[in-house]
């Protein structure tokens, strides 16, 4: 299964654009890591920089790696094509 996971508000607190201040939500990260370990493809997705056109990719990769996130790839701006999308405004990790 391909699972897209939104970053801000889902696996870390929502910082309203101050991404350097993001703090991980380890319980949610652990659940996503289990989905990865179970053989699912995890794609972290973010709209960071969508309106400001600032490239947040290096900070985002560093955060995911520091937080111990397991994933296959990161995507930005592109509309997700997946089997399941986990987001703070749609399917919540608590519902899995």
N, C-alpha and C. Protein backbone atom coordinates (compact mmCIF):
# COMPACT_ATOMS: atom_id res chain seq x y z
N UNK A 1 0.85 -1.17 0.00
CA UNK A 1 0.00 0.00 0.00
C UNK A 1 0.90 1.24 0.00
N UNK A 2 0.50 2.25 -0.73
CA UNK A 2 1.20 3.54 -0.72
C UNK A 2 0.44 4.47 0.22
N UNK A 3 1.16 4.98 1.21
CA UNK A 3 0.54 5.84 2.21
C UNK A 3 1.25 7.18 2.20
N UNK A 4 0.50 8.24 1.93
CA UNK A 4 1.02 9.59 2.03
C UNK A 4 0.75 10.11 3.43
N UNK A 5 1.73 10.75 4.03
CA UNK A 5 1.59 11.29 5.38
C UNK A 5 1.97 12.78 5.35
N UNK A 6 1.04 13.61 5.73
CA UNK A 6 1.33 15.03 5.86
C UNK A 6 2.26 15.21 7.06
N UNK A 7 3.10 16.21 7.02
CA UNK A 7 4.08 16.41 8.09
C UNK A 7 3.53 17.33 9.18
N UNK A 8 3.28 18.57 8.86
CA UNK A 8 2.91 19.57 9.86
C UNK A 8 1.50 19.36 10.38
N UNK A 9 1.40 19.24 11.70
CA UNK A 9 0.12 18.98 12.34
C UNK A 9 -0.19 17.50 12.45
N UNK A 10 0.61 16.66 11.80
CA UNK A 10 0.36 15.22 11.82
C UNK A 10 1.45 14.49 12.61
N UNK A 11 2.71 14.62 12.17
CA UNK A 11 3.79 13.96 12.91
C UNK A 11 4.61 14.96 13.72
N UNK A 12 4.26 16.24 13.62
CA UNK A 12 4.86 17.27 14.46
C UNK A 12 3.80 18.34 14.70
N UNK A 13 4.09 19.20 15.65
CA UNK A 13 3.13 20.28 15.91
C UNK A 13 3.05 21.21 14.72
N UNK A 14 1.95 21.91 14.59
CA UNK A 14 1.78 22.87 13.52
C UNK A 14 2.36 24.20 13.99
N UNK A 15 3.36 24.68 13.28
CA UNK A 15 4.07 25.90 13.69
C UNK A 15 3.62 27.13 12.92
N UNK A 16 2.63 26.98 12.07
CA UNK A 16 2.12 28.09 11.26
C UNK A 16 3.24 28.79 10.48
N UNK A 17 4.08 27.97 9.86
CA UNK A 17 5.11 28.51 8.98
C UNK A 17 6.48 28.70 9.60
N UNK A 18 6.60 28.53 10.91
CA UNK A 18 7.92 28.64 11.56
C UNK A 18 8.45 27.21 11.71
N UNK A 19 8.81 26.61 10.59
CA UNK A 19 9.12 25.18 10.53
C UNK A 19 10.33 24.79 11.36
N UNK A 20 11.24 25.71 11.60
CA UNK A 20 12.40 25.42 12.43
C UNK A 20 12.01 25.07 13.86
N UNK A 21 10.83 25.51 14.29
CA UNK A 21 10.36 25.27 15.66
C UNK A 21 9.53 24.00 15.80
N UNK A 22 9.39 23.24 14.73
CA UNK A 22 8.56 22.04 14.77
C UNK A 22 9.11 21.02 15.77
N UNK A 23 8.20 20.45 16.56
CA UNK A 23 8.54 19.42 17.55
C UNK A 23 7.84 18.12 17.16
N UNK A 24 8.58 17.01 17.17
CA UNK A 24 7.99 15.75 16.73
C UNK A 24 6.92 15.22 17.69
N UNK A 25 5.98 14.50 17.15
CA UNK A 25 4.98 13.75 17.92
C UNK A 25 5.38 12.29 17.80
N UNK A 26 6.18 11.84 18.75
CA UNK A 26 6.82 10.53 18.63
C UNK A 26 5.83 9.38 18.53
N UNK A 27 4.71 9.46 19.21
CA UNK A 27 3.72 8.37 19.13
C UNK A 27 3.21 8.19 17.70
N UNK A 28 2.95 9.31 17.03
CA UNK A 28 2.49 9.23 15.64
C UNK A 28 3.61 8.72 14.73
N UNK A 29 4.83 9.19 14.95
CA UNK A 29 5.96 8.73 14.15
C UNK A 29 6.15 7.22 14.32
N UNK A 30 6.04 6.74 15.54
CA UNK A 30 6.17 5.30 15.79
C UNK A 30 5.12 4.49 15.03
N UNK A 31 3.89 5.01 14.97
CA UNK A 31 2.83 4.31 14.23
C UNK A 31 3.12 4.29 12.74
N UNK A 32 3.60 5.41 12.20
CA UNK A 32 3.95 5.46 10.78
C UNK A 32 5.13 4.53 10.50
N UNK A 33 6.13 4.52 11.40
CA UNK A 33 7.27 3.62 11.22
C UNK A 33 6.83 2.16 11.22
N UNK A 34 5.84 1.82 12.02
CA UNK A 34 5.32 0.44 12.02
C UNK A 34 4.69 0.12 10.68
N UNK A 35 3.93 1.06 10.12
CA UNK A 35 3.35 0.85 8.79
C UNK A 35 4.45 0.61 7.76
N UNK A 36 5.56 1.34 7.86
CA UNK A 36 6.71 1.15 6.98
C UNK A 36 7.30 -0.25 7.20
N UNK A 37 7.51 -0.62 8.46
CA UNK A 37 8.08 -1.93 8.79
C UNK A 37 7.19 -3.08 8.31
N UNK A 38 5.90 -2.83 8.23
CA UNK A 38 4.94 -3.84 7.76
C UNK A 38 4.92 -3.95 6.24
N UNK A 39 5.77 -3.18 5.56
CA UNK A 39 5.90 -3.31 4.11
C UNK A 39 5.18 -2.26 3.28
N UNK A 40 4.58 -1.28 3.92
CA UNK A 40 3.91 -0.21 3.18
C UNK A 40 4.93 0.81 2.70
N UNK A 41 4.61 1.48 1.60
CA UNK A 41 5.45 2.56 1.10
C UNK A 41 4.98 3.85 1.73
N UNK A 42 5.88 4.53 2.43
CA UNK A 42 5.54 5.76 3.12
C UNK A 42 6.12 6.94 2.35
N UNK A 43 5.25 7.87 2.01
CA UNK A 43 5.66 9.09 1.32
C UNK A 43 5.25 10.26 2.21
N UNK A 44 6.24 10.98 2.72
CA UNK A 44 5.92 12.18 3.47
C UNK A 44 5.66 13.30 2.48
N UNK A 45 4.57 14.03 2.71
CA UNK A 45 4.13 15.09 1.82
C UNK A 45 4.00 16.37 2.62
N UNK A 46 4.38 17.47 2.00
CA UNK A 46 4.23 18.76 2.67
C UNK A 46 3.98 19.87 1.66
N UNK A 47 3.27 20.86 2.09
CA UNK A 47 3.03 22.05 1.28
C UNK A 47 3.96 23.18 1.71
N UNK A 48 4.96 22.87 2.53
CA UNK A 48 5.91 23.89 2.98
C UNK A 48 6.46 24.66 1.78
N UNK A 49 6.36 25.96 1.84
CA UNK A 49 6.86 26.81 0.76
C UNK A 49 5.89 27.00 -0.39
N UNK A 50 4.72 26.42 -0.29
CA UNK A 50 3.76 26.51 -1.38
C UNK A 50 3.31 27.92 -1.71
N UNK A 51 3.20 28.75 -0.71
CA UNK A 51 2.79 30.13 -0.97
C UNK A 51 3.97 31.10 -0.96
N UNK A 52 5.02 30.77 -0.22
CA UNK A 52 6.17 31.67 -0.14
C UNK A 52 7.25 31.35 -1.16
N UNK A 53 7.17 30.17 -1.76
CA UNK A 53 8.16 29.68 -2.73
C UNK A 53 9.55 29.52 -2.12
N UNK A 54 9.60 29.35 -0.80
CA UNK A 54 10.86 29.06 -0.12
C UNK A 54 11.07 27.55 -0.16
N UNK A 55 12.28 27.12 -0.45
CA UNK A 55 12.60 25.70 -0.51
C UNK A 55 12.97 25.19 0.88
N UNK A 56 12.06 24.43 1.47
CA UNK A 56 12.26 23.90 2.81
C UNK A 56 12.73 22.44 2.78
N UNK A 57 13.14 21.94 1.63
CA UNK A 57 13.44 20.51 1.51
C UNK A 57 14.60 20.05 2.40
N UNK A 58 15.66 20.81 2.50
CA UNK A 58 16.80 20.39 3.33
C UNK A 58 16.42 20.34 4.80
N UNK A 59 15.73 21.36 5.30
CA UNK A 59 15.28 21.36 6.69
C UNK A 59 14.33 20.20 6.93
N UNK A 60 13.41 19.97 6.00
CA UNK A 60 12.43 18.90 6.16
C UNK A 60 13.11 17.54 6.22
N UNK A 61 14.05 17.27 5.33
CA UNK A 61 14.79 16.00 5.36
C UNK A 61 15.55 15.84 6.67
N UNK A 62 16.20 16.91 7.10
CA UNK A 62 16.95 16.86 8.36
C UNK A 62 16.02 16.55 9.53
N UNK A 63 14.86 17.20 9.57
CA UNK A 63 13.91 16.95 10.65
C UNK A 63 13.44 15.50 10.64
N UNK A 64 13.04 14.99 9.47
CA UNK A 64 12.55 13.61 9.39
C UNK A 64 13.62 12.63 9.86
N UNK A 65 14.86 12.85 9.44
CA UNK A 65 15.95 11.96 9.84
C UNK A 65 16.25 12.07 11.33
N UNK A 66 16.27 13.29 11.86
CA UNK A 66 16.52 13.50 13.29
C UNK A 66 15.43 12.87 14.13
N UNK A 67 14.19 12.94 13.66
CA UNK A 67 13.06 12.39 14.40
C UNK A 67 12.94 10.87 14.26
N UNK A 68 13.77 10.26 13.43
CA UNK A 68 13.74 8.80 13.27
C UNK A 68 12.63 8.31 12.36
N UNK A 69 12.18 9.13 11.44
CA UNK A 69 11.10 8.74 10.53
C UNK A 69 11.63 7.81 9.44
N UNK A 70 10.88 6.74 9.21
CA UNK A 70 11.20 5.82 8.12
C UNK A 70 10.28 6.16 6.95
N UNK A 71 10.86 6.24 5.75
CA UNK A 71 10.05 6.61 4.60
C UNK A 71 10.75 6.22 3.32
N UNK A 72 9.98 6.19 2.25
CA UNK A 72 10.53 5.90 0.93
C UNK A 72 10.92 7.16 0.17
N UNK A 73 10.12 8.23 0.35
CA UNK A 73 10.45 9.48 -0.32
C UNK A 73 9.64 10.63 0.30
N UNK A 74 10.04 11.84 -0.10
CA UNK A 74 9.35 13.06 0.31
C UNK A 74 8.86 13.74 -0.97
N UNK A 75 7.65 14.27 -0.93
CA UNK A 75 7.12 15.02 -2.06
C UNK A 75 6.55 16.33 -1.56
N UNK A 76 6.62 17.32 -2.42
CA UNK A 76 6.05 18.63 -2.10
C UNK A 76 5.21 19.10 -3.28
N UNK A 77 4.19 19.82 -2.96
CA UNK A 77 3.34 20.50 -3.94
C UNK A 77 2.55 19.59 -4.87
N UNK A 78 3.06 18.44 -5.23
CA UNK A 78 2.40 17.55 -6.17
C UNK A 78 1.17 16.91 -5.50
N UNK A 79 0.08 16.84 -6.21
CA UNK A 79 -1.13 16.22 -5.67
C UNK A 79 -0.87 14.74 -5.43
N UNK A 80 -1.15 14.27 -4.22
CA UNK A 80 -0.87 12.87 -3.89
C UNK A 80 -1.71 11.88 -4.69
N UNK A 81 -1.06 10.82 -5.15
CA UNK A 81 -1.74 9.66 -5.73
C UNK A 81 -1.35 8.49 -4.84
N UNK A 82 -2.31 8.01 -4.06
CA UNK A 82 -1.97 7.00 -3.07
C UNK A 82 -3.20 6.19 -2.70
N UNK A 83 -2.97 5.19 -1.86
CA UNK A 83 -4.06 4.37 -1.34
C UNK A 83 -4.66 4.96 -0.07
N UNK A 84 -3.84 5.66 0.70
CA UNK A 84 -4.28 6.24 1.96
C UNK A 84 -3.50 7.51 2.20
N UNK A 85 -4.18 8.58 2.65
CA UNK A 85 -3.53 9.84 2.96
C UNK A 85 -3.81 10.14 4.42
N UNK A 86 -2.77 10.28 5.23
CA UNK A 86 -2.91 10.58 6.65
C UNK A 86 -2.53 12.03 6.86
N UNK A 87 -3.46 12.80 7.41
CA UNK A 87 -3.30 14.24 7.51
C UNK A 87 -4.02 14.71 8.75
N UNK A 88 -3.59 15.84 9.30
CA UNK A 88 -4.26 16.37 10.48
C UNK A 88 -5.67 16.88 10.17
N UNK A 89 -6.02 16.99 8.87
CA UNK A 89 -7.34 17.47 8.51
C UNK A 89 -8.19 16.40 7.82
N UNK A 90 -7.68 15.18 7.71
CA UNK A 90 -8.45 14.12 7.06
C UNK A 90 -8.36 12.86 7.91
N UNK A 91 -7.78 11.79 7.39
CA UNK A 91 -7.63 10.54 8.14
C UNK A 91 -6.57 10.74 9.22
N UNK A 92 -6.93 10.50 10.43
CA UNK A 92 -5.99 10.70 11.53
C UNK A 92 -5.30 9.39 11.89
N UNK A 93 -4.06 9.50 12.32
CA UNK A 93 -3.30 8.32 12.69
C UNK A 93 -3.99 7.57 13.84
N UNK A 94 -4.71 8.28 14.69
CA UNK A 94 -5.41 7.64 15.80
C UNK A 94 -6.51 6.71 15.32
N UNK A 95 -6.96 6.86 14.07
CA UNK A 95 -8.04 6.06 13.54
C UNK A 95 -7.57 4.75 12.94
N UNK A 96 -6.25 4.56 12.84
CA UNK A 96 -5.74 3.32 12.23
C UNK A 96 -5.77 2.18 13.22
